[in-house]
Amino acid sequence: MSVMDIFDERSAFSFEIFPPKTDVGMEKLCGEGGVLEQLYTLNPDYISCTYGAGGTNIGKNLEVLDKIVKDGKTTGVTHFTCIGNTKEGIREQLQNYLDHGINHMLALRGDLPFGWTGTGGDLHYATELVKFVRKEFGDKFTIAVAGSPEGHIQCRSLEADIAFLKQKQDNGADYIMTQLCWDMDQFRYWLDAIRAAGIWMPVDVGIMPILDMKATINMALSRNGCVMPRALCEIISKNWIFPDPFCAEPFDADVAGKKAAFREAGIEYTINQIDEYRACGINGIHLYALNKFDDVAYIAKEAGLLDLV
């Protein structure tokens, strides 16, 4: 079933995973009784799979998605970027996905590898990629695109970012997968703004579970430039590991206790945020599984996401 058909019927529930770099990691994810098979038990509507900057790990990406297709438990969605790709290379890679039964994609410009000033390929923006895919493959792909409720960090303004999102829709995109956003007031403003701009695409909200302090800070500051609400800052402050959470040898007397307390508070924060998002009338929740099961399964259950399917 197409993800768009699900959006027509009800709210969607899905996961994002990433392709491990090692054989041991692949076995943990894709092996018998691994994380993928555990995630299937939650009946997600789809599972998306990333790949690294510059298209690294694309072979592992295809291996993971090929398993999802062959297992037949859910729909596989591949991430696909402009980074380092010629038009001919894009044609070949996307045809290869189709040959493997993968017909859903998230079209992205992609994060530039360190030191790069451009994509290093024939296409430079996600708007161009969407247009190219539609021209070359027609309606063979269901195409998701990224939406940034706080505005893309490299875009000159939120208004300009929304205009680019409208262009993605006009070029043939089907639905939006949002980037990380903890600021609910900003999200509601953005949602009203995109609808006022004539963007009718369904909105599937990306949620990163708050489980680890270092990962939370890194995700907010190193890539996304996200606003961190006071409530989240308080969770970090109350459980701060001295001298800082990035120190390899902290002198804090209760590192393990603080990590556990942060994780517990972060899970509660994540569940509450999902409740707030669903109250906005969005079309789905896309949970970053981080290639783990237990924590995301608990969050999904407590947030009522398992009742959607």
C-alpha atoms as a PDB file:
ATOM      1  CA  MET A   1       0.000   0.000   0.000  1.00  0.00           C
ATOM      2  CA  SER A   2       1.237   3.490  -0.851  1.00  0.00           C
ATOM      3  CA  VAL A   3       1.945   5.794   2.062  1.00  0.00           C
ATOM      4  CA  MET A   4      -0.396   8.283   0.395  1.00  0.00           C
ATOM      5  CA  ASP A   5      -3.261   5.779   0.647  1.00  0.00           C
ATOM      6  CA  ILE A   6      -2.615   5.528   4.379  1.00  0.00           C
ATOM      7  CA  PHE A   7      -2.682   9.306   4.757  1.00  0.00           C
ATOM      8  CA  ASP A   8      -6.086   9.282   3.046  1.00  0.00           C
ATOM      9  CA  GLU A   9      -7.429   6.843   5.647  1.00  0.00           C
ATOM     10  CA  ARG A  10      -5.777   7.811   8.941  1.00  0.00           C
ATOM     11  CA  SER A  11      -2.642   9.066  10.650  1.00  0.00           C
ATOM     12  CA  ALA A  12       0.525   7.145   9.810  1.00  0.00           C
ATOM     13  CA  PHE A  13       3.152   5.712  12.144  1.00  0.00           C
ATOM     14  CA  SER A  14       6.664   4.937  10.911  1.00  0.00           C
ATOM     15  CA  PHE A  15      10.336   4.598  11.789  1.00  0.00           C
ATOM     16  CA  GLU A  16      13.666   5.848  10.465  1.00  0.00           C
ATOM     17  CA  ILE A  17      16.732   3.611  10.651  1.00  0.00           C
ATOM     18  CA  PHE A  18      20.269   3.896   9.289  1.00  0.00           C
ATOM     19  CA  PRO A  19      22.504   1.321   7.545  1.00  0.00           C
ATOM     20  CA  PRO A  20      25.258   0.137   9.920  1.00  0.00           C
ATOM     21  CA  LYS A  21      28.837   0.406   8.687  1.00  0.00           C
ATOM     22  CA  THR A  22      29.957  -2.972  10.048  1.00  0.00           C
ATOM     23  CA  ASP A  23      28.900  -6.557   9.476  1.00  0.00           C
ATOM     24  CA  VAL A  24      28.192  -6.922  13.190  1.00  0.00           C
ATOM     25  CA  GLY A  25      25.900  -3.903  13.064  1.00  0.00           C
ATOM     26  CA  MET A  26      24.124  -5.244   9.989  1.00  0.00           C
ATOM     27  CA  GLU A  27      23.538  -8.556  11.737  1.00  0.00           C
ATOM     28  CA  LYS A  28      22.042  -6.794  14.762  1.00  0.00           C
ATOM     29  CA  LEU A  29      19.723  -4.814  12.492  1.00  0.00           C
ATOM     30  CA  CYS A  30      18.857  -7.311   9.762  1.00  0.00           C
ATOM     31  CA  GLY A  31      19.650 -10.714  11.225  1.00  0.00           C
ATOM     32  CA  GLU A  32      17.142 -13.211  12.552  1.00  0.00           C
ATOM     33  CA  GLY A  33      15.449 -11.707  15.590  1.00  0.00           C
ATOM     34  CA  GLY A  34      17.206  -8.395  14.922  1.00  0.00           C
ATOM     35  CA  VAL A  35      15.945  -4.862  15.344  1.00  0.00           C
ATOM     36  CA  LEU A  36      14.114  -4.808  12.004  1.00  0.00           C
ATOM     37  CA  GLU A  37      12.094  -7.895  12.831  1.00  0.00           C
ATOM     38  CA  GLN A  38      11.350  -6.459  16.263  1.00  0.00           C
ATOM     39  CA  LEU A  39      10.133  -3.202  14.705  1.00  0.00           C
ATOM     40  CA  TYR A  40       7.809  -5.181  12.436  1.00  0.00           C
ATOM     41  CA  THR A  41       5.926  -6.380  15.527  1.00  0.00           C
ATOM     42  CA  LEU A  42       4.762  -2.786  16.069  1.00  0.00           C
ATOM     43  CA  ASN A  43       3.141  -2.756  12.591  1.00  0.00           C
ATOM     44  CA  PRO A  44       4.679   0.482  11.267  1.00  0.00           C
ATOM     45  CA  ASP A  45       3.226   1.842   8.038  1.00  0.00           C
ATOM     46  CA  TYR A  46       6.722   2.284   6.627  1.00  0.00           C
ATOM     47  CA  ILE A  47      10.389   2.254   7.574  1.00  0.00           C
ATOM     48  CA  SER A  48      12.782   4.721   5.961  1.00  0.00           C
ATOM     49  CA  CYS A  49      16.512   4.124   5.651  1.00  0.00           C
ATOM     50  CA  THR A  50      19.161   6.837   5.437  1.00  0.00           C
ATOM     51  CA  TYR A  51      22.617   6.727   3.910  1.00  0.00           C
ATOM     52  CA  GLY A  52      25.764   8.641   4.681  1.00  0.00           C
ATOM     53  CA  ALA A  53      27.011  11.998   3.475  1.00  0.00           C
ATOM     54  CA  GLY A  54      28.191  11.893  -0.108  1.00  0.00           C
ATOM     55  CA  GLY A  55      26.243   8.716  -0.764  1.00  0.00           C
ATOM     56  CA  THR A  56      28.483   6.596   1.448  1.00  0.00           C
ATOM     57  CA  ASN A  57      26.935   3.368   2.644  1.00  0.00           C
ATOM     58  CA  ILE A  58      24.453   3.344  -0.244  1.00  0.00           C
ATOM     59  CA  GLY A  59      25.171  -0.359  -0.751  1.00  0.00           C
ATOM     60  CA  LYS A  60      24.202  -1.076   2.848  1.00  0.00           C
ATOM     61  CA  ASN A  61      21.161   1.165   2.399  1.00  0.00           C
ATOM     62  CA  LEU A  62      19.969  -0.994  -0.492  1.00  0.00           C
ATOM     63  CA  GLU A  63      20.719  -4.180   1.442  1.00  0.00           C
ATOM     64  CA  VAL A  64      18.530  -3.026   4.346  1.00  0.00           C
ATOM     65  CA  LEU A  65      15.690  -1.898   2.091  1.00  0.00           C
ATOM     66  CA  ASP A  66      15.886  -5.083   0.043  1.00  0.00           C
ATOM     67  CA  LYS A  67      15.305  -7.069   3.230  1.00  0.00           C
ATOM     68  CA  ILE A  68      12.318  -4.873   4.127  1.00  0.00           C
ATOM     69  CA  VAL A  69      10.778  -5.474   0.705  1.00  0.00           C
ATOM     70  CA  LYS A  70      11.426  -9.224   0.777  1.00  0.00           C
ATOM     71  CA  ASP A  71      10.087  -9.573   4.323  1.00  0.00           C
ATOM     72  CA  GLY A  72       6.831  -7.982   3.146  1.00  0.00           C
ATOM     73  CA  LYS A  73       5.879  -6.626   6.576  1.00  0.00           C
ATOM     74  CA  THR A  74       5.898  -2.925   5.728  1.00  0.00           C
ATOM     75  CA  THR A  75       6.867  -0.396   3.038  1.00  0.00           C
ATOM     76  CA  GLY A  76      10.506   0.606   2.588  1.00  0.00           C
ATOM     77  CA  VAL A  77      11.399   4.249   1.902  1.00  0.00           C
ATOM     78  CA  THR A  78      14.880   5.215   0.770  1.00  0.00           C
ATOM     79  CA  HIS A  79      16.555   8.539   1.423  1.00  0.00           C
ATOM     80  CA  PHE A  80      18.195   9.911  -1.721  1.00  0.00           C
ATOM     81  CA  THR A  81      20.394  12.993  -2.094  1.00  0.00           C
ATOM     82  CA  CYS A  82      21.972  15.148  -4.771  1.00  0.00           C
ATOM     83  CA  ILE A  83      25.438  14.805  -3.221  1.00  0.00           C
ATOM     84  CA  GLY A  84      28.006  13.605  -5.744  1.00  0.00           C
ATOM     85  CA  ASN A  85      25.378  12.365  -8.185  1.00  0.00           C
ATOM     86  CA  THR A  86      25.293  12.935 -11.928  1.00  0.00           C
ATOM     87  CA  LYS A  87      21.958  12.763 -13.719  1.00  0.00           C
ATOM     88  CA  GLU A  88      22.947   9.465 -15.288  1.00  0.00           C
ATOM     89  CA  GLY A  89      23.974   8.133 -11.904  1.00  0.00           C
ATOM     90  CA  ILE A  90      20.637   9.168 -10.440  1.00  0.00           C
ATOM     91  CA  ARG A  91      18.782   7.375 -13.246  1.00  0.00           C
ATOM     92  CA  GLU A  92      20.769   4.191 -12.697  1.00  0.00           C
ATOM     93  CA  GLN A  93      20.440   4.204  -8.923  1.00  0.00           C
ATOM     94  CA  LEU A  94      16.718   4.939  -8.893  1.00  0.00           C
ATOM     95  CA  GLN A  95      16.045   2.305 -11.532  1.00  0.00           C
ATOM     96  CA  ASN A  96      17.975  -0.126  -9.347  1.00  0.00           C
ATOM     97  CA  TYR A  97      15.706   0.738  -6.427  1.00  0.00           C
ATOM     98  CA  LEU A  98      12.645   0.117  -8.596  1.00  0.00           C
ATOM     99  CA  ASP A  99      14.101  -3.202  -9.745  1.00  0.00           C
ATOM    100  CA  HIS A 100      14.304  -4.172  -6.061  1.00  0.00           C
ATOM    101  CA  GLY A 101      10.688  -3.168  -5.432  1.00  0.00           C
ATOM    102  CA  ILE A 102      11.513   0.109  -3.672  1.00  0.00           C
ATOM    103  CA  ASN A 103       9.216   2.843  -4.987  1.00  0.00           C
ATOM    104  CA  HIS A 104       9.098   5.340  -2.111  1.00  0.00           C
ATOM    105  CA  MET A 105      11.834   7.932  -1.579  1.00  0.00           C
ATOM    106  CA  LEU A 106      12.723  10.978   0.480  1.00  0.00           C
ATOM    107  CA  ALA A 107      14.275  13.477  -1.948  1.00  0.00           C
ATOM    108  CA  LEU A 108      16.972  15.610  -0.315  1.00  0.00           C
ATOM    109  CA  ARG A 109      19.791  17.910  -1.260  1.00  0.00           C
ATOM    110  CA  GLY A 110      21.745  16.168   1.489  1.00  0.00           C
ATOM    111  CA  ASP A 111      24.178  17.363   4.140  1.00  0.00           C
ATOM    112  CA  LEU A 112      27.395  18.548   2.517  1.00  0.00           C
ATOM    113  CA  PRO A 113      30.471  16.563   3.581  1.00  0.00           C
ATOM    114  CA  PHE A 114      32.967  18.552   5.640  1.00  0.00           C
ATOM    115  CA  GLY A 115      34.835  21.038   3.469  1.00  0.00           C
ATOM    116  CA  TRP A 116      32.405  20.867   0.542  1.00  0.00           C
ATOM    117  CA  THR A 117      30.811  24.080  -0.744  1.00  0.00           C
ATOM    118  CA  GLY A 118      28.370  22.436  -3.162  1.00  0.00           C
ATOM    119  CA  THR A 119      26.776  19.096  -3.946  1.00  0.00           C
ATOM    120  CA  GLY A 120      29.508  18.015  -6.367  1.00  0.00           C
ATOM    121  CA  GLY A 121      26.827  16.708  -8.715  1.00  0.00           C
ATOM    122  CA  ASP A 122      24.547  17.791 -11.547  1.00  0.00           C
ATOM    123  CA  LEU A 123      21.693  18.782  -9.234  1.00  0.00           C
ATOM    124  CA  HIS A 124      22.025  21.293  -6.429  1.00  0.00           C
ATOM    125  CA  TYR A 125      18.700  21.388  -4.596  1.00  0.00           C
ATOM    126  CA  ALA A 126      15.912  19.022  -3.612  1.00  0.00           C
ATOM    127  CA  THR A 127      13.544  21.023  -5.812  1.00  0.00           C
ATOM    128  CA  GLU A 128      15.642  20.024  -8.834  1.00  0.00           C
ATOM    129  CA  LEU A 129      15.798  16.405  -7.717  1.00  0.00           C
ATOM    130  CA  VAL A 130      12.015  16.138  -7.385  1.00  0.00           C
ATOM    131  CA  LYS A 131      11.535  17.667 -10.834  1.00  0.00           C
ATOM    132  CA  PHE A 132      14.124  15.326 -12.361  1.00  0.00           C
ATOM    133  CA  VAL A 133      12.597  12.200 -10.807  1.00  0.00           C
ATOM    134  CA  ARG A 134       9.133  13.112 -12.042  1.00  0.00           C
ATOM    135  CA  LYS A 135      10.483  13.810 -15.546  1.00  0.00           C
ATOM    136  CA  GLU A 136      12.435  10.550 -15.729  1.00  0.00           C
ATOM    137  CA  PHE A 137      10.149   8.177 -13.821  1.00  0.00           C
ATOM    138  CA  GLY A 138       6.688   9.741 -13.878  1.00  0.00           C
ATOM    139  CA  ASP A 139       4.550   8.470 -11.019  1.00  0.00           C
ATOM    140  CA  LYS A 140       6.628   5.356 -10.313  1.00  0.00           C
ATOM    141  CA  PHE A 141       7.906   6.874  -7.064  1.00  0.00           C
ATOM    142  CA  THR A 142       6.017   8.279  -4.105  1.00  0.00           C
ATOM    143  CA  ILE A 143       8.198  11.257  -3.191  1.00  0.00           C
ATOM    144  CA  ALA A 144       8.572  12.737   0.271  1.00  0.00           C
ATOM    145  CA  VAL A 145      10.458  15.979   0.849  1.00  0.00           C
ATOM    146  CA  ALA A 146      11.923  17.580   3.951  1.00  0.00           C
ATOM    147  CA  GLY A 147      10.198  20.464   5.690  1.00  0.00           C
ATOM    148  CA  SER A 148      11.929  22.663   8.279  1.00  0.00           C
ATOM    149  CA  PRO A 149       9.502  24.245  10.772  1.00  0.00           C
ATOM    150  CA  GLU A 150      12.232  26.604  11.988  1.00  0.00           C
ATOM    151  CA  GLY A 151      13.520  27.215   8.463  1.00  0.00           C
ATOM    152  CA  HIS A 152      16.543  25.463   6.971  1.00  0.00           C
ATOM    153  CA  ILE A 153      19.684  26.645   8.720  1.00  0.00           C
ATOM    154  CA  GLN A 154      21.222  27.707   5.369  1.00  0.00           C
ATOM    155  CA  CYS A 155      18.129  29.490   4.063  1.00  0.00           C
ATOM    156  CA  ARG A 156      17.915  33.273   4.309  1.00  0.00           C
ATOM    157  CA  SER A 157      14.462  33.333   5.930  1.00  0.00           C
ATOM    158  CA  LEU A 158      11.530  31.156   6.937  1.00  0.00           C
ATOM    159  CA  GLU A 159       9.434  32.756   4.198  1.00  0.00           C
ATOM    160  CA  ALA A 160      12.016  31.825   1.571  1.00  0.00           C
ATOM    161  CA  ASP A 161      12.196  28.292   2.938  1.00  0.00           C
ATOM    162  CA  ILE A 162       8.414  27.929   2.673  1.00  0.00           C
ATOM    163  CA  ALA A 163       8.590  29.202  -0.911  1.00  0.00           C
ATOM    164  CA  PHE A 164      11.100  26.443  -1.714  1.00  0.00           C
ATOM    165  CA  LEU A 165       8.792  23.903  -0.074  1.00  0.00           C
ATOM    166  CA  LYS A 166       5.952  25.126  -2.291  1.00  0.00           C
ATOM    167  CA  GLN A 167       8.240  24.672  -5.294  1.00  0.00           C
ATOM    168  CA  LYS A 168       8.889  21.065  -4.248  1.00  0.00           C
ATOM    169  CA  GLN A 169       5.137  20.504  -4.225  1.00  0.00           C
ATOM    170  CA  ASP A 170       4.727  22.171  -7.614  1.00  0.00           C
ATOM    171  CA  ASN A 171       7.504  19.963  -9.012  1.00  0.00           C
ATOM    172  CA  GLY A 172       5.670  16.808  -7.967  1.00  0.00           C
ATOM    173  CA  ALA A 173       6.394  15.989  -4.319  1.00  0.00           C
ATOM    174  CA  ASP A 174       3.723  14.004  -2.471  1.00  0.00           C
ATOM    175  CA  TYR A 175       4.223  14.623   1.232  1.00  0.00           C
ATOM    176  CA  ILE A 176       6.419  16.326   3.830  1.00  0.00           C
ATOM    177  CA  MET A 177       8.666  14.719   6.423  1.00  0.00           C
ATOM    178  CA  THR A 178       9.628  17.384   8.937  1.00  0.00           C
ATOM    179  CA  GLN A 179      13.073  17.996  10.307  1.00  0.00           C
ATOM    180  CA  LEU A 180      13.694  18.043  14.044  1.00  0.00           C
ATOM    181  CA  CYS A 181      11.686  20.718  15.899  1.00  0.00           C
ATOM    182  CA  TRP A 182      11.098  20.909  19.648  1.00  0.00           C
ATOM    183  CA  ASP A 183       9.517  24.398  19.610  1.00  0.00           C
ATOM    184  CA  MET A 184       5.791  23.668  19.416  1.00  0.00           C
ATOM    185  CA  ASP A 185       4.744  27.319  19.070  1.00  0.00           C
ATOM    186  CA  GLN A 186       7.056  27.626  16.083  1.00  0.00           C
ATOM    187  CA  PHE A 187       5.720  24.389  14.602  1.00  0.00           C
ATOM    188  CA  ARG A 188       2.114  25.588  14.844  1.00  0.00           C
ATOM    189  CA  TYR A 189       3.110  28.911  13.239  1.00  0.00           C
ATOM    190  CA  TRP A 190       4.888  27.064  10.418  1.00  0.00           C
ATOM    191  CA  LEU A 191       1.964  24.702   9.842  1.00  0.00           C
ATOM    192  CA  ASP A 192      -0.433  27.637   9.487  1.00  0.00           C
ATOM    193  CA  ALA A 193       2.074  29.431   7.236  1.00  0.00           C
ATOM    194  CA  ILE A 194       2.561  26.566   4.786  1.00  0.00           C
ATOM    195  CA  ARG A 195      -1.198  26.057   4.470  1.00  0.00           C
ATOM    196  CA  ALA A 196      -1.623  29.792   3.842  1.00  0.00           C
ATOM    197  CA  ALA A 197       1.059  29.487   1.136  1.00  0.00           C
ATOM    198  CA  GLY A 198      -0.995  26.842  -0.681  1.00  0.00           C
ATOM    199  CA  ILE A 199       0.983  23.808   0.470  1.00  0.00           C
ATOM    200  CA  TRP A 200      -1.544  21.000   0.867  1.00  0.00           C
ATOM    201  CA  MET A 201       0.845  18.042   1.170  1.00  0.00           C
ATOM    202  CA  PRO A 202       0.367  15.748   4.188  1.00  0.00           C
ATOM    203  CA  VAL A 203       2.774  16.473   7.052  1.00  0.00           C
ATOM    204  CA  ASP A 204       4.577  13.526   8.642  1.00  0.00           C
ATOM    205  CA  VAL A 205       6.422  14.752  11.732  1.00  0.00           C
ATOM    206  CA  GLY A 206       9.952  13.547  12.475  1.00  0.00           C
ATOM    207  CA  ILE A 207      10.587  12.820  16.168  1.00  0.00           C
ATOM    208  CA  MET A 208      13.986  12.099  17.704  1.00  0.00           C
ATOM    209  CA  PRO A 209      13.614  10.270  21.032  1.00  0.00           C
ATOM    210  CA  ILE A 210      15.524  12.098  23.757  1.00  0.00           C
ATOM    211  CA  LEU A 211      17.628   9.312  25.238  1.00  0.00           C
ATOM    212  CA  ASP A 212      21.207  10.568  25.423  1.00  0.00           C
ATOM    213  CA  MET A 213      22.412  14.030  26.411  1.00  0.00           C
ATOM    214  CA  LYS A 214      25.362  14.175  24.021  1.00  0.00           C
ATOM    215  CA  ALA A 215      23.262  13.047  21.062  1.00  0.00           C
ATOM    216  CA  THR A 216      20.520  15.545  21.907  1.00  0.00           C
ATOM    217  CA  ILE A 217      22.885  18.508  22.111  1.00  0.00           C
ATOM    218  CA  ASN A 218      24.791  17.407  19.022  1.00  0.00           C
ATOM    219  CA  MET A 219      21.640  16.993  16.937  1.00  0.00           C
ATOM    220  CA  ALA A 220      20.313  20.395  17.969  1.00  0.00           C
ATOM    221  CA  LEU A 221      23.451  22.454  17.547  1.00  0.00           C
ATOM    222  CA  SER A 222      25.783  20.804  15.051  1.00  0.00           C
ATOM    223  CA  ARG A 223      23.294  20.285  12.215  1.00  0.00           C
ATOM    224  CA  ASN A 224      19.863  21.749  12.766  1.00  0.00           C
ATOM    225  CA  GLY A 225      20.232  24.943  14.792  1.00  0.00           C
ATOM    226  CA  CYS A 226      17.112  23.996  16.752  1.00  0.00           C
ATOM    227  CA  VAL A 227      15.560  26.046  19.522  1.00  0.00           C
ATOM    228  CA  MET A 228      15.692  24.084  22.774  1.00  0.00           C
ATOM    229  CA  PRO A 229      12.639  24.890  24.936  1.00  0.00           C
ATOM    230  CA  ARG A 230      13.150  25.714  28.609  1.00  0.00           C
ATOM    231  CA  ALA A 231      11.656  22.379  29.720  1.00  0.00           C
ATOM    232  CA  LEU A 232      14.240  20.471  27.681  1.00  0.00           C
ATOM    233  CA  CYS A 233      17.066  22.718  28.877  1.00  0.00           C
ATOM    234  CA  GLU A 234      16.004  22.009  32.465  1.00  0.00           C
ATOM    235  CA  ILE A 235      16.256  18.254  31.864  1.00  0.00           C
ATOM    236  CA  ILE A 236      19.790  18.758  30.551  1.00  0.00           C
ATOM    237  CA  SER A 237      20.757  21.114  33.388  1.00  0.00           C
ATOM    238  CA  LYS A 238      19.423  18.872  36.170  1.00  0.00           C
ATOM    239  CA  ASN A 239      21.372  15.905  34.827  1.00  0.00           C
ATOM    240  CA  TRP A 240      24.523  17.694  33.654  1.00  0.00           C
ATOM    241  CA  ILE A 241      27.623  15.521  33.761  1.00  0.00           C
ATOM    242  CA  PHE A 242      30.661  17.509  34.907  1.00  0.00           C
ATOM    243  CA  PRO A 243      32.800  18.965  33.486  1.00  0.00           C
ATOM    244  CA  ASP A 244      30.630  18.452  30.388  1.00  0.00           C
ATOM    245  CA  PRO A 245      28.782  15.528  28.761  1.00  0.00           C
ATOM    246  CA  PHE A 246      31.319  15.346  25.918  1.00  0.00           C
ATOM    247  CA  CYS A 247      34.291  14.743  28.226  1.00  0.00           C
ATOM    248  CA  ALA A 248      35.841  11.297  27.754  1.00  0.00           C
ATOM    249  CA  GLU A 249      36.798  11.087  31.438  1.00  0.00           C
ATOM    250  CA  PRO A 250      34.207  13.037  33.466  1.00  0.00           C
ATOM    251  CA  PHE A 251      34.935  13.648  37.147  1.00  0.00           C
ATOM    252  CA  ASP A 252      31.240  13.574  38.055  1.00  0.00           C
ATOM    253  CA  ALA A 253      30.525  11.120  40.893  1.00  0.00           C
ATOM    254  CA  ASP A 254      27.192   9.926  39.468  1.00  0.00           C
ATOM    255  CA  VAL A 255      27.610   9.558  35.715  1.00  0.00           C
ATOM    256  CA  ALA A 256      25.513   6.391  35.445  1.00  0.00           C
ATOM    257  CA  GLY A 257      22.746   7.774  37.641  1.00  0.00           C
ATOM    258  CA  LYS A 258      22.524  11.024  35.706  1.00  0.00           C
ATOM    259  CA  LYS A 259      22.473   9.221  32.354  1.00  0.00           C
ATOM    260  CA  ALA A 260      19.611   7.030  33.564  1.00  0.00           C
ATOM    261  CA  ALA A 261      17.692  10.008  34.959  1.00  0.00           C
ATOM    262  CA  PHE A 262      18.180  11.954  31.721  1.00  0.00           C
ATOM    263  CA  ARG A 263      16.930   9.014  29.668  1.00  0.00           C
ATOM    264  CA  GLU A 264      13.838   8.610  31.859  1.00  0.00           C
ATOM    265  CA  ALA A 265      12.984  12.321  31.713  1.00  0.00           C
ATOM    266  CA  GLY A 266      13.756  12.423  27.988  1.00  0.00           C
ATOM    267  CA  ILE A 267      11.379   9.570  27.241  1.00  0.00           C
ATOM    268  CA  GLU A 268       8.599  11.350  29.132  1.00  0.00           C
ATOM    269  CA  TYR A 269       9.382  14.576  27.241  1.00  0.00           C
ATOM    270  CA  THR A 270       9.240  12.736  23.907  1.00  0.00           C
ATOM    271  CA  ILE A 271       5.874  11.149  24.702  1.00  0.00           C
ATOM    272  CA  ASN A 272       4.417  14.515  25.709  1.00  0.00           C
ATOM    273  CA  GLN A 273       5.717  16.121  22.520  1.00  0.00           C
ATOM    274  CA  ILE A 274       4.100  13.433  20.381  1.00  0.00           C
ATOM    275  CA  ASP A 275       0.802  14.191  22.135  1.00  0.00           C
ATOM    276  CA  GLU A 276       1.231  17.893  21.309  1.00  0.00           C
ATOM    277  CA  TYR A 277       2.042  17.178  17.681  1.00  0.00           C
ATOM    278  CA  ARG A 278      -0.980  14.919  17.243  1.00  0.00           C
ATOM    279  CA  ALA A 279      -3.197  17.654  18.677  1.00  0.00           C
ATOM    280  CA  CYS A 280      -2.068  19.880  15.780  1.00  0.00           C
ATOM    281  CA  GLY A 281      -3.842  17.658  13.257  1.00  0.00           C
ATOM    282  CA  ILE A 282      -0.712  16.375  11.533  1.00  0.00           C
ATOM    283  CA  ASN A 283      -0.803  13.328   9.252  1.00  0.00           C
ATOM    284  CA  GLY A 284       1.739  11.052  10.873  1.00  0.00           C
ATOM    285  CA  ILE A 285       4.554  10.468  13.350  1.00  0.00           C
ATOM    286  CA  HIS A 286       7.941   9.360  11.988  1.00  0.00           C
ATOM    287  CA  LEU A 287      10.040   8.130  14.909  1.00  0.00           C
ATOM    288  CA  TYR A 288      13.827   8.014  14.586  1.00  0.00           C
ATOM    289  CA  ALA A 289      14.472   4.498  15.894  1.00  0.00           C
ATOM    290  CA  LEU A 290      18.262   4.989  16.049  1.00  0.00           C
ATOM    291  CA  ASN A 291      18.529   1.255  15.225  1.00  0.00           C
ATOM    292  CA  LYS A 292      17.145   0.391  18.667  1.00  0.00           C
ATOM    293  CA  PHE A 293      13.917  -1.255  19.758  1.00  0.00           C
ATOM    294  CA  ASP A 294      13.111  -1.217  23.467  1.00  0.00           C
ATOM    295  CA  ASP A 295      12.993   2.543  24.052  1.00  0.00           C
ATOM    296  CA  VAL A 296      11.152   3.411  20.838  1.00  0.00           C
ATOM    297  CA  ALA A 297       8.685   0.560  21.408  1.00  0.00           C
ATOM    298  CA  TYR A 298       7.912   1.924  24.868  1.00  0.00           C
ATOM    299  CA  ILE A 299       7.522   5.462  23.507  1.00  0.00           C
ATOM    300  CA  ALA A 300       5.264   4.306  20.680  1.00  0.00           C
ATOM    301  CA  LYS A 301       3.055   2.339  23.053  1.00  0.00           C
ATOM    302  CA  GLU A 302       2.766   5.047  25.710  1.00  0.00           C
ATOM    303  CA  ALA A 303       2.089   7.740  23.085  1.00  0.00           C
ATOM    304  CA  GLY A 304      -0.775   5.710  21.635  1.00  0.00           C
ATOM    305  CA  LEU A 305       0.889   5.255  18.259  1.00  0.00           C
ATOM    306  CA  LEU A 306       0.182   1.528  18.190  1.00  0.00           C
ATOM    307  CA  ASP A 307      -3.532   2.332  18.233  1.00  0.00           C
ATOM    308  CA  LEU A 308      -3.220   4.030  14.831  1.00  0.00           C
ATOM    309  CA  VAL A 309      -2.570   0.771  12.960  1.00  0.00           C
END
